[in-house]
Amino acid sequence: MAAVTLGPEGTYSHRAATAVANGDEIDFRQSVTAIVDAVAGGEYDRGVIPIENSIEGSVTESLDALAEYDVAVVREIVTPIKHALLAQGPEFDTVASHSQALAQCRSYLEREYPDASLEAVASTAQSVEFARDDPSIAGIAHPDNGGDGIEVLAEDIQDQDSNATRFFALAPAEERSKGGGKSSLVVYPNANYPGLLLELLQPFANRDINLTRVESRPSGQRLGDYVFHVDIEAGLYESRTKEAIEDLEELAEKGWVRRLGSYDTEHVVG
C-alpha cells in the first residue's frame, strides 16, 4: 500500500515506514503536518509519523496535527535509534541534524565538539545530504546513510543506549479500529477549573485502565486553554473503555473527545 513519511530516503521515519508499506511505494514529505494532511485527504493509504522519543519526549508537531486532522491510528511501531556522526572527513565546523537528534546526542557533542555550531534541519537524512555537499558540515543519522563520499566518524553517539522512538501508522478516519491492546484519544474539554485534569483521568482509574501517556498541548484558542492527549492500555471495543469515554464526553460536553483508534505495538529492529 502507498505510504508517506518524513524524507528524504534514509530517515528513521523511513525505516519505520518499511514495516508498514510491505515493499510497496514510500513517498516523502518535509513535515509531519503535510503527512497527516495527505492521509486525512485520502492521498495515501498510510502515513508514518514520530510520536515520542525515550530521551526527548513527545514530538509536539505530531500531537498538534493529530488534534487538527481526523485520521486513524492503526499501528504503533517502536524502533531503536542508533545515531552516527557522518561527514566527508574529520574537519568540520557545523553539526546538522533534526532537532531531536541533536538533543539526543547533546552530551557527546558538548564533550567531543564543543566549538561546533549546531544546525537543526528537516530530518536526519537531510543532514547527510548537506554533509555530502559541504565538507564543513557533519550530519547525525543512522550509520547506513554513509557512503558516496561520506564517512562514519563515530557510531552510537546517542546519550543513552536505550534510545528508542515510537511511531504511529496513520490511516484515513474510516479505517479506525476498536480492536487492539492500546488506544489513543484526544480530549478538548474547552474548560479550565481546579481539579479538571483529575476529573478527566478519574473515569479510567475507576475502571482499572492503565494510562501510558498523558500530555497537554495549547489549543490555540486562548492562553491557558489545552488539548489533552491520552494513551491507554485497553481497546475501544472493551466495555470498560466505552464506559470511561462516556464519562469523559460528559465532562467535555463544551468541547470534544476524538477516538484516534485502537492498535497493537510492533518492535522493529533498526
C-alpha atoms as a PDB file:
ATOM      1  CA  MET A   1       0.000   0.000   0.000  1.00  0.00           C
ATOM      2  CA  ALA A   2       1.179   3.553  -0.728  1.00  0.00           C
ATOM      3  CA  ALA A   3       2.713   5.182   2.348  1.00  0.00           C
ATOM      4  CA  VAL A   4       4.140   8.600   3.125  1.00  0.00           C
ATOM      5  CA  THR A   5       6.612   9.633   5.813  1.00  0.00           C
ATOM      6  CA  LEU A   6       9.345  12.141   6.609  1.00  0.00           C
ATOM      7  CA  GLY A   7      12.019  12.324   3.954  1.00  0.00           C
ATOM      8  CA  PRO A   8      14.340  12.103   2.310  1.00  0.00           C
ATOM      9  CA  GLU A   9      15.150   8.409   1.985  1.00  0.00           C
ATOM     10  CA  GLY A  10      17.134   7.108   4.947  1.00  0.00           C
ATOM     11  CA  THR A  11      15.349   8.844   7.827  1.00  0.00           C
ATOM     12  CA  TYR A  12      14.342   6.865  10.907  1.00  0.00           C
ATOM     13  CA  SER A  13      10.747   7.501   9.862  1.00  0.00           C
ATOM     14  CA  HIS A  14      11.553   5.883   6.518  1.00  0.00           C
ATOM     15  CA  ARG A  15      12.959   2.838   8.306  1.00  0.00           C
ATOM     16  CA  ALA A  16       9.784   2.557  10.386  1.00  0.00           C
ATOM     17  CA  ALA A  17       7.601   3.030   7.308  1.00  0.00           C
ATOM     18  CA  THR A  18       9.113  -0.017   5.602  1.00  0.00           C
ATOM     19  CA  ALA A  19       7.290  -2.143   8.185  1.00  0.00           C
ATOM     20  CA  VAL A  20       4.009  -0.615   7.043  1.00  0.00           C
ATOM     21  CA  ALA A  21       4.491  -0.432   3.274  1.00  0.00           C
ATOM     22  CA  ASN A  22       5.319  -4.141   2.874  1.00  0.00           C
ATOM     23  CA  GLY A  23       7.609  -3.493  -0.069  1.00  0.00           C
ATOM     24  CA  ASP A  24       5.283  -1.026  -1.772  1.00  0.00           C
ATOM     25  CA  GLU A  25       5.952   2.584  -2.634  1.00  0.00           C
ATOM     26  CA  ILE A  26       7.019   5.044   0.059  1.00  0.00           C
ATOM     27  CA  ASP A  27       6.808   8.768  -0.665  1.00  0.00           C
ATOM     28  CA  PHE A  28       8.198  11.596   1.398  1.00  0.00           C
ATOM     29  CA  ARG A  29       7.119  14.936   2.838  1.00  0.00           C
ATOM     30  CA  GLN A  30       9.178  17.512   4.705  1.00  0.00           C
ATOM     31  CA  SER A  31       6.824  17.974   7.671  1.00  0.00           C
ATOM     32  CA  VAL A  32       4.601  15.870   9.907  1.00  0.00           C
ATOM     33  CA  THR A  33       1.647  18.165   9.242  1.00  0.00           C
ATOM     34  CA  ALA A  34       1.957  17.568   5.497  1.00  0.00           C
ATOM     35  CA  ILE A  35       1.943  13.800   6.104  1.00  0.00           C
ATOM     36  CA  VAL A  36      -1.178  13.891   8.284  1.00  0.00           C
ATOM     37  CA  ASP A  37      -2.913  16.196   5.810  1.00  0.00           C
ATOM     38  CA  ALA A  38      -2.131  13.808   2.924  1.00  0.00           C
ATOM     39  CA  VAL A  39      -3.556  10.816   4.811  1.00  0.00           C
ATOM     40  CA  ALA A  40      -6.636  12.720   6.002  1.00  0.00           C
ATOM     41  CA  GLY A  41      -7.311  13.770   2.402  1.00  0.00           C
ATOM     42  CA  GLY A  42      -7.133  10.182   1.131  1.00  0.00           C
ATOM     43  CA  GLU A  43      -3.992  10.769  -0.903  1.00  0.00           C
ATOM     44  CA  TYR A  44      -2.189   7.872   0.838  1.00  0.00           C
ATOM     45  CA  ASP A  45      -3.280   4.624   2.464  1.00  0.00           C
ATOM     46  CA  ARG A  46      -0.807   5.041   5.312  1.00  0.00           C
ATOM     47  CA  GLY A  47       1.349   7.701   6.909  1.00  0.00           C
ATOM     48  CA  VAL A  48       4.089   7.146   9.467  1.00  0.00           C
ATOM     49  CA  ILE A  49       4.945   9.892  11.947  1.00  0.00           C
ATOM     50  CA  PRO A  50       7.149  10.012  15.074  1.00  0.00           C
ATOM     51  CA  ILE A  51       5.225  10.447  18.313  1.00  0.00           C
ATOM     52  CA  GLU A  52       7.612  10.073  21.225  1.00  0.00           C
ATOM     53  CA  ASN A  53      11.299   9.552  21.910  1.00  0.00           C
ATOM     54  CA  SER A  54      12.581   7.898  25.077  1.00  0.00           C
ATOM     55  CA  ILE A  55      15.098  10.711  25.682  1.00  0.00           C
ATOM     56  CA  GLU A  56      13.470  13.883  24.368  1.00  0.00           C
ATOM     57  CA  GLY A  57       9.801  13.066  24.888  1.00  0.00           C
ATOM     58  CA  SER A  58       6.873  13.810  22.611  1.00  0.00           C
ATOM     59  CA  VAL A  59       7.068  15.278  19.123  1.00  0.00           C
ATOM     60  CA  THR A  60       4.842  18.304  19.513  1.00  0.00           C
ATOM     61  CA  GLU A  61       4.154  18.814  15.798  1.00  0.00           C
ATOM     62  CA  SER A  62       2.739  15.288  15.648  1.00  0.00           C
ATOM     63  CA  LEU A  63       0.465  15.881  18.640  1.00  0.00           C
ATOM     64  CA  ASP A  64      -0.823  19.134  17.202  1.00  0.00           C
ATOM     65  CA  ALA A  65      -1.506  17.558  13.795  1.00  0.00           C
ATOM     66  CA  LEU A  66      -3.453  14.693  15.382  1.00  0.00           C
ATOM     67  CA  ALA A  67      -5.613  17.244  17.183  1.00  0.00           C
ATOM     68  CA  GLU A  68      -6.225  19.192  13.964  1.00  0.00           C
ATOM     69  CA  TYR A  69      -6.937  16.409  11.454  1.00  0.00           C
ATOM     70  CA  ASP A  70      -9.370  13.500  11.588  1.00  0.00           C
ATOM     71  CA  VAL A  71      -7.249  10.386  10.983  1.00  0.00           C
ATOM     72  CA  ALA A  72      -6.974   6.910  12.481  1.00  0.00           C
ATOM     73  CA  VAL A  73      -4.024   5.395  14.337  1.00  0.00           C
ATOM     74  CA  VAL A  74      -3.820   1.757  13.213  1.00  0.00           C
ATOM     75  CA  ARG A  75      -0.370   0.617  14.435  1.00  0.00           C
ATOM     76  CA  GLU A  76       2.360   1.631  16.830  1.00  0.00           C
ATOM     77  CA  ILE A  77       5.929   0.964  15.734  1.00  0.00           C
ATOM     78  CA  VAL A  78       8.827   1.151  18.196  1.00  0.00           C
ATOM     79  CA  THR A  79      12.342   1.231  16.799  1.00  0.00           C
ATOM     80  CA  PRO A  80      15.758   1.721  18.442  1.00  0.00           C
ATOM     81  CA  ILE A  81      17.597   4.889  17.487  1.00  0.00           C
ATOM     82  CA  LYS A  82      21.291   4.414  16.695  1.00  0.00           C
ATOM     83  CA  HIS A  83      22.896   7.733  15.832  1.00  0.00           C
ATOM     84  CA  ALA A  84      26.191   8.134  13.998  1.00  0.00           C
ATOM     85  CA  LEU A  85      28.299  11.152  13.113  1.00  0.00           C
ATOM     86  CA  LEU A  86      28.844  11.345   9.349  1.00  0.00           C
ATOM     87  CA  ALA A  87      30.978  13.739   7.298  1.00  0.00           C
ATOM     88  CA  GLN A  88      33.404  13.917   4.397  1.00  0.00           C
ATOM     89  CA  GLY A  89      36.259  13.953   6.909  1.00  0.00           C
ATOM     90  CA  PRO A  90      37.173  14.836  10.492  1.00  0.00           C
ATOM     91  CA  GLU A  91      37.479  18.582   9.812  1.00  0.00           C
ATOM     92  CA  PHE A  92      34.120  20.395  10.036  1.00  0.00           C
ATOM     93  CA  ASP A  93      32.678  23.310  11.973  1.00  0.00           C
ATOM     94  CA  THR A  94      28.914  22.635  11.867  1.00  0.00           C
ATOM     95  CA  VAL A  95      26.877  19.630  13.008  1.00  0.00           C
ATOM     96  CA  ALA A  96      23.445  19.437  11.412  1.00  0.00           C
ATOM     97  CA  SER A  97      20.524  17.114  12.053  1.00  0.00           C
ATOM     98  CA  HIS A  98      16.897  17.008  13.107  1.00  0.00           C
ATOM     99  CA  SER A  99      16.406  18.969  16.323  1.00  0.00           C
ATOM    100  CA  GLN A 100      15.513  15.800  18.242  1.00  0.00           C
ATOM    101  CA  ALA A 101      18.654  14.006  17.043  1.00  0.00           C
ATOM    102  CA  LEU A 102      20.830  16.938  18.096  1.00  0.00           C
ATOM    103  CA  ALA A 103      19.212  16.896  21.523  1.00  0.00           C
ATOM    104  CA  GLN A 104      19.595  13.124  21.846  1.00  0.00           C
ATOM    105  CA  CYS A 105      23.366  13.494  21.273  1.00  0.00           C
ATOM    106  CA  ARG A 106      23.840  16.620  23.374  1.00  0.00           C
ATOM    107  CA  SER A 107      26.373  15.186  25.820  1.00  0.00           C
ATOM    108  CA  TYR A 108      28.507  13.649  23.079  1.00  0.00           C
ATOM    109  CA  LEU A 109      28.576  16.866  21.064  1.00  0.00           C
ATOM    110  CA  GLU A 110      29.403  19.026  24.080  1.00  0.00           C
ATOM    111  CA  ARG A 111      32.233  16.676  25.021  1.00  0.00           C
ATOM    112  CA  GLU A 112      33.759  15.960  21.605  1.00  0.00           C
ATOM    113  CA  TYR A 113      32.871  19.059  19.545  1.00  0.00           C
ATOM    114  CA  PRO A 114      32.257  21.929  21.989  1.00  0.00           C
ATOM    115  CA  ASP A 115      33.135  24.584  19.399  1.00  0.00           C
ATOM    116  CA  ALA A 116      30.947  23.232  16.585  1.00  0.00           C
ATOM    117  CA  SER A 117      27.827  25.118  15.579  1.00  0.00           C
ATOM    118  CA  LEU A 118      24.601  23.117  15.727  1.00  0.00           C
ATOM    119  CA  GLU A 119      22.050  23.481  12.948  1.00  0.00           C
ATOM    120  CA  ALA A 120      18.558  21.983  13.027  1.00  0.00           C
ATOM    121  CA  VAL A 121      17.314  20.700   9.656  1.00  0.00           C
ATOM    122  CA  ALA A 122      14.176  18.880   8.499  1.00  0.00           C
ATOM    123  CA  SER A 123      15.468  15.325   9.010  1.00  0.00           C
ATOM    124  CA  THR A 124      18.484  13.208   9.889  1.00  0.00           C
ATOM    125  CA  ALA A 125      18.836  12.020   6.303  1.00  0.00           C
ATOM    126  CA  GLN A 126      18.746  15.587   5.011  1.00  0.00           C
ATOM    127  CA  SER A 127      21.684  16.424   7.286  1.00  0.00           C
ATOM    128  CA  VAL A 128      23.755  13.771   5.497  1.00  0.00           C
ATOM    129  CA  GLU A 129      22.797  15.279   2.137  1.00  0.00           C
ATOM    130  CA  PHE A 130      24.091  18.634   3.370  1.00  0.00           C
ATOM    131  CA  ALA A 131      27.313  16.978   4.590  1.00  0.00           C
ATOM    132  CA  ARG A 132      27.727  15.327   1.204  1.00  0.00           C
ATOM    133  CA  ASP A 133      27.555  18.747  -0.477  1.00  0.00           C
ATOM    134  CA  ASP A 134      29.637  20.679   2.061  1.00  0.00           C
ATOM    135  CA  PRO A 135      32.801  19.380   3.797  1.00  0.00           C
ATOM    136  CA  SER A 136      32.341  21.899   6.622  1.00  0.00           C
ATOM    137  CA  ILE A 137      29.143  20.128   7.749  1.00  0.00           C
ATOM    138  CA  ALA A 138      28.729  16.861   9.632  1.00  0.00           C
ATOM    139  CA  GLY A 139      25.381  15.123   9.914  1.00  0.00           C
ATOM    140  CA  ILE A 140      23.808  12.905  12.573  1.00  0.00           C
ATOM    141  CA  ALA A 141      21.838   9.979  11.202  1.00  0.00           C
ATOM    142  CA  HIS A 142      21.705   6.188  11.054  1.00  0.00           C
ATOM    143  CA  PRO A 143      25.119   4.797  10.024  1.00  0.00           C
ATOM    144  CA  ASP A 144      23.581   3.196   6.935  1.00  0.00           C
ATOM    145  CA  ASN A 145      23.418   6.696   5.455  1.00  0.00           C
ATOM    146  CA  GLY A 146      27.205   6.641   4.986  1.00  0.00           C
ATOM    147  CA  GLY A 147      28.967   6.030   1.689  1.00  0.00           C
ATOM    148  CA  ASP A 148      29.188   8.020  -1.548  1.00  0.00           C
ATOM    149  CA  GLY A 149      31.903  10.265  -0.127  1.00  0.00           C
ATOM    150  CA  ILE A 150      30.573  10.269   3.436  1.00  0.00           C
ATOM    151  CA  GLU A 151      32.452   8.571   6.286  1.00  0.00           C
ATOM    152  CA  VAL A 152      31.004   7.256   9.530  1.00  0.00           C
ATOM    153  CA  LEU A 153      33.215   9.066  12.033  1.00  0.00           C
ATOM    154  CA  ALA A 154      31.568   7.665  15.175  1.00  0.00           C
ATOM    155  CA  GLU A 155      28.677   5.332  15.967  1.00  0.00           C
ATOM    156  CA  ASP A 156      26.248   5.027  18.888  1.00  0.00           C
ATOM    157  CA  ILE A 157      26.715   8.654  19.870  1.00  0.00           C
ATOM    158  CA  GLN A 158      23.237   8.983  21.434  1.00  0.00           C
ATOM    159  CA  ASP A 159      23.317   9.883  25.116  1.00  0.00           C
ATOM    160  CA  GLN A 160      21.507   6.714  26.191  1.00  0.00           C
ATOM    161  CA  ASP A 161      21.814   3.207  24.782  1.00  0.00           C
ATOM    162  CA  SER A 162      18.094   2.672  25.359  1.00  0.00           C
ATOM    163  CA  ASN A 163      17.193   5.451  22.917  1.00  0.00           C
ATOM    164  CA  ALA A 164      14.039   4.463  21.043  1.00  0.00           C
ATOM    165  CA  THR A 165      11.228   6.221  19.199  1.00  0.00           C
ATOM    166  CA  ARG A 166       7.539   5.421  18.918  1.00  0.00           C
ATOM    167  CA  PHE A 167       5.913   5.964  15.544  1.00  0.00           C
ATOM    168  CA  PHE A 168       2.214   5.956  14.674  1.00  0.00           C
ATOM    169  CA  ALA A 169       0.969   4.411  11.443  1.00  0.00           C
ATOM    170  CA  LEU A 170      -1.954   6.534  10.303  1.00  0.00           C
ATOM    171  CA  ALA A 171      -4.848   5.684   8.009  1.00  0.00           C
ATOM    172  CA  PRO A 172      -7.928   7.553   6.775  1.00  0.00           C
ATOM    173  CA  ALA A 173     -10.506   8.031   9.526  1.00  0.00           C
ATOM    174  CA  GLU A 174     -12.899   5.385   8.170  1.00  0.00           C
ATOM    175  CA  GLU A 175     -10.296   2.686   8.868  1.00  0.00           C
ATOM    176  CA  ARG A 176     -10.309   3.389  12.607  1.00  0.00           C
ATOM    177  CA  SER A 177     -10.311   0.138  14.593  1.00  0.00           C
ATOM    178  CA  LYS A 178     -11.746  -0.672  18.013  1.00  0.00           C
ATOM    179  CA  GLY A 179      -9.558  -3.750  18.423  1.00  0.00           C
ATOM    180  CA  GLY A 180      -6.039  -3.704  19.838  1.00  0.00           C
ATOM    181  CA  GLY A 181      -4.087  -3.663  23.064  1.00  0.00           C
ATOM    182  CA  LYS A 182      -3.745   0.130  23.228  1.00  0.00           C
ATOM    183  CA  SER A 183      -5.890   3.123  22.293  1.00  0.00           C
ATOM    184  CA  SER A 184      -5.275   6.836  21.829  1.00  0.00           C
ATOM    185  CA  LEU A 185      -7.650   9.716  22.484  1.00  0.00           C
ATOM    186  CA  VAL A 186      -7.533  13.475  22.046  1.00  0.00           C
ATOM    187  CA  VAL A 187      -9.662  15.416  24.512  1.00  0.00           C
ATOM    188  CA  TYR A 188     -10.566  19.095  24.330  1.00  0.00           C
ATOM    189  CA  PRO A 189     -12.636  19.969  27.415  1.00  0.00           C
ATOM    190  CA  ASN A 190     -12.990  23.659  26.479  1.00  0.00           C
ATOM    191  CA  ALA A 191     -12.917  24.428  30.192  1.00  0.00           C
ATOM    192  CA  ASN A 192     -10.469  25.338  32.934  1.00  0.00           C
ATOM    193  CA  TYR A 193     -11.143  24.943  36.646  1.00  0.00           C
ATOM    194  CA  PRO A 194      -9.435  23.398  39.699  1.00  0.00           C
ATOM    195  CA  GLY A 195      -9.481  19.615  39.546  1.00  0.00           C
ATOM    196  CA  LEU A 196     -10.285  19.412  35.810  1.00  0.00           C
ATOM    197  CA  LEU A 197      -7.401  17.088  34.925  1.00  0.00           C
ATOM    198  CA  LEU A 198      -8.187  14.844  37.889  1.00  0.00           C
ATOM    199  CA  GLU A 199     -11.795  14.596  36.736  1.00  0.00           C
ATOM    200  CA  LEU A 200     -10.719  13.729  33.184  1.00  0.00           C
ATOM    201  CA  LEU A 201      -8.481  10.889  34.383  1.00  0.00           C
ATOM    202  CA  GLN A 202     -10.759   9.503  37.092  1.00  0.00           C
ATOM    203  CA  PRO A 203     -13.020   7.506  34.707  1.00  0.00           C
ATOM    204  CA  PHE A 204     -10.004   5.402  33.706  1.00  0.00           C
ATOM    205  CA  ALA A 205      -8.775   4.907  37.266  1.00  0.00           C
ATOM    206  CA  ASN A 206     -12.283   3.850  38.346  1.00  0.00           C
ATOM    207  CA  ARG A 207     -12.191   1.043  35.769  1.00  0.00           C
ATOM    208  CA  ASP A 208      -8.587  -0.068  36.315  1.00  0.00           C
ATOM    209  CA  ILE A 209      -7.443   1.185  32.898  1.00  0.00           C
ATOM    210  CA  ASN A 210      -3.740   1.989  32.838  1.00  0.00           C
ATOM    211  CA  LEU A 211      -2.690   5.303  31.325  1.00  0.00           C
ATOM    212  CA  THR A 212       0.595   5.026  29.422  1.00  0.00           C
ATOM    213  CA  ARG A 213       0.809   8.692  28.439  1.00  0.00           C
ATOM    214  CA  VAL A 214      -0.992  11.924  29.280  1.00  0.00           C
ATOM    215  CA  GLU A 215       0.154  15.172  27.704  1.00  0.00           C
ATOM    216  CA  SER A 216      -1.280  18.646  27.274  1.00  0.00           C
ATOM    217  CA  ARG A 217      -0.816  20.958  24.303  1.00  0.00           C
ATOM    218  CA  PRO A 218      -2.074  24.523  23.830  1.00  0.00           C
ATOM    219  CA  SER A 219      -5.400  24.544  21.982  1.00  0.00           C
ATOM    220  CA  GLY A 220      -4.509  27.690  20.065  1.00  0.00           C
ATOM    221  CA  GLN A 221      -7.853  29.187  21.052  1.00  0.00           C
ATOM    222  CA  ARG A 222      -6.670  31.242  24.028  1.00  0.00           C
ATOM    223  CA  LEU A 223      -3.881  31.367  26.573  1.00  0.00           C
ATOM    224  CA  GLY A 224      -4.205  28.669  29.246  1.00  0.00           C
ATOM    225  CA  ASP A 225      -6.564  26.531  27.157  1.00  0.00           C
ATOM    226  CA  TYR A 226      -5.371  22.985  26.487  1.00  0.00           C
ATOM    227  CA  VAL A 227      -5.929  19.838  24.455  1.00  0.00           C
ATOM    228  CA  PHE A 228      -5.075  16.561  26.201  1.00  0.00           C
ATOM    229  CA  HIS A 229      -3.541  13.513  24.515  1.00  0.00           C
ATOM    230  CA  VAL A 230      -4.222  10.250  26.335  1.00  0.00           C
ATOM    231  CA  ASP A 231      -2.893   6.740  25.609  1.00  0.00           C
ATOM    232  CA  ILE A 232      -4.446   3.801  27.452  1.00  0.00           C
ATOM    233  CA  GLU A 233      -3.751   0.079  27.724  1.00  0.00           C
ATOM    234  CA  ALA A 234      -7.194  -1.044  26.600  1.00  0.00           C
ATOM    235  CA  GLY A 235      -9.108  -1.463  23.357  1.00  0.00           C
ATOM    236  CA  LEU A 236     -12.021   0.730  22.318  1.00  0.00           C
ATOM    237  CA  TYR A 237     -14.113  -2.441  21.988  1.00  0.00           C
ATOM    238  CA  GLU A 238     -13.931  -3.126  25.734  1.00  0.00           C
ATOM    239  CA  SER A 239     -16.990  -2.240  27.800  1.00  0.00           C
ATOM    240  CA  ARG A 240     -14.846  -0.571  30.462  1.00  0.00           C
ATOM    241  CA  THR A 241     -13.301   1.684  27.816  1.00  0.00           C
ATOM    242  CA  LYS A 242     -16.683   2.598  26.375  1.00  0.00           C
ATOM    243  CA  GLU A 243     -17.963   3.478  29.835  1.00  0.00           C
ATOM    244  CA  ALA A 244     -14.885   5.565  30.641  1.00  0.00           C
ATOM    245  CA  ILE A 245     -15.184   7.516  27.393  1.00  0.00           C
ATOM    246  CA  GLU A 246     -18.887   8.134  28.006  1.00  0.00           C
ATOM    247  CA  ASP A 247     -17.964   9.731  31.330  1.00  0.00           C
ATOM    248  CA  LEU A 248     -15.200  11.674  29.586  1.00  0.00           C
ATOM    249  CA  GLU A 249     -17.600  13.038  26.967  1.00  0.00           C
ATOM    250  CA  GLU A 250     -19.924  14.275  29.701  1.00  0.00           C
ATOM    251  CA  LEU A 251     -17.038  16.126  31.329  1.00  0.00           C
ATOM    252  CA  ALA A 252     -16.021  17.580  27.948  1.00  0.00           C
ATOM    253  CA  GLU A 253     -19.550  18.485  26.874  1.00  0.00           C
ATOM    254  CA  LYS A 254     -18.414  22.004  25.917  1.00  0.00           C
ATOM    255  CA  GLY A 255     -15.599  20.556  23.787  1.00  0.00           C
ATOM    256  CA  TRP A 256     -14.991  17.168  22.179  1.00  0.00           C
ATOM    257  CA  VAL A 257     -13.375  13.745  22.504  1.00  0.00           C
ATOM    258  CA  ARG A 258     -11.694  12.164  19.475  1.00  0.00           C
ATOM    259  CA  ARG A 259     -11.033   8.440  19.332  1.00  0.00           C
ATOM    260  CA  LEU A 260      -7.879   8.002  17.259  1.00  0.00           C
ATOM    261  CA  GLY A 261      -8.314   4.231  17.361  1.00  0.00           C
ATOM    262  CA  SER A 262      -7.024   1.026  18.885  1.00  0.00           C
ATOM    263  CA  TYR A 263      -3.851  -0.718  17.756  1.00  0.00           C
ATOM    264  CA  ASP A 264      -1.100  -3.119  18.662  1.00  0.00           C
ATOM    265  CA  THR A 265       2.611  -2.419  19.111  1.00  0.00           C
ATOM    266  CA  GLU A 266       5.301  -3.760  16.803  1.00  0.00           C
ATOM    267  CA  HIS A 267       9.011  -3.592  17.581  1.00  0.00           C
ATOM    268  CA  VAL A 268      11.240  -3.081  14.561  1.00  0.00           C
ATOM    269  CA  VAL A 269      14.998  -3.560  14.866  1.00  0.00           C
ATOM    270  CA  GLY A 270      16.886  -0.617  13.377  1.00  0.00           C
END
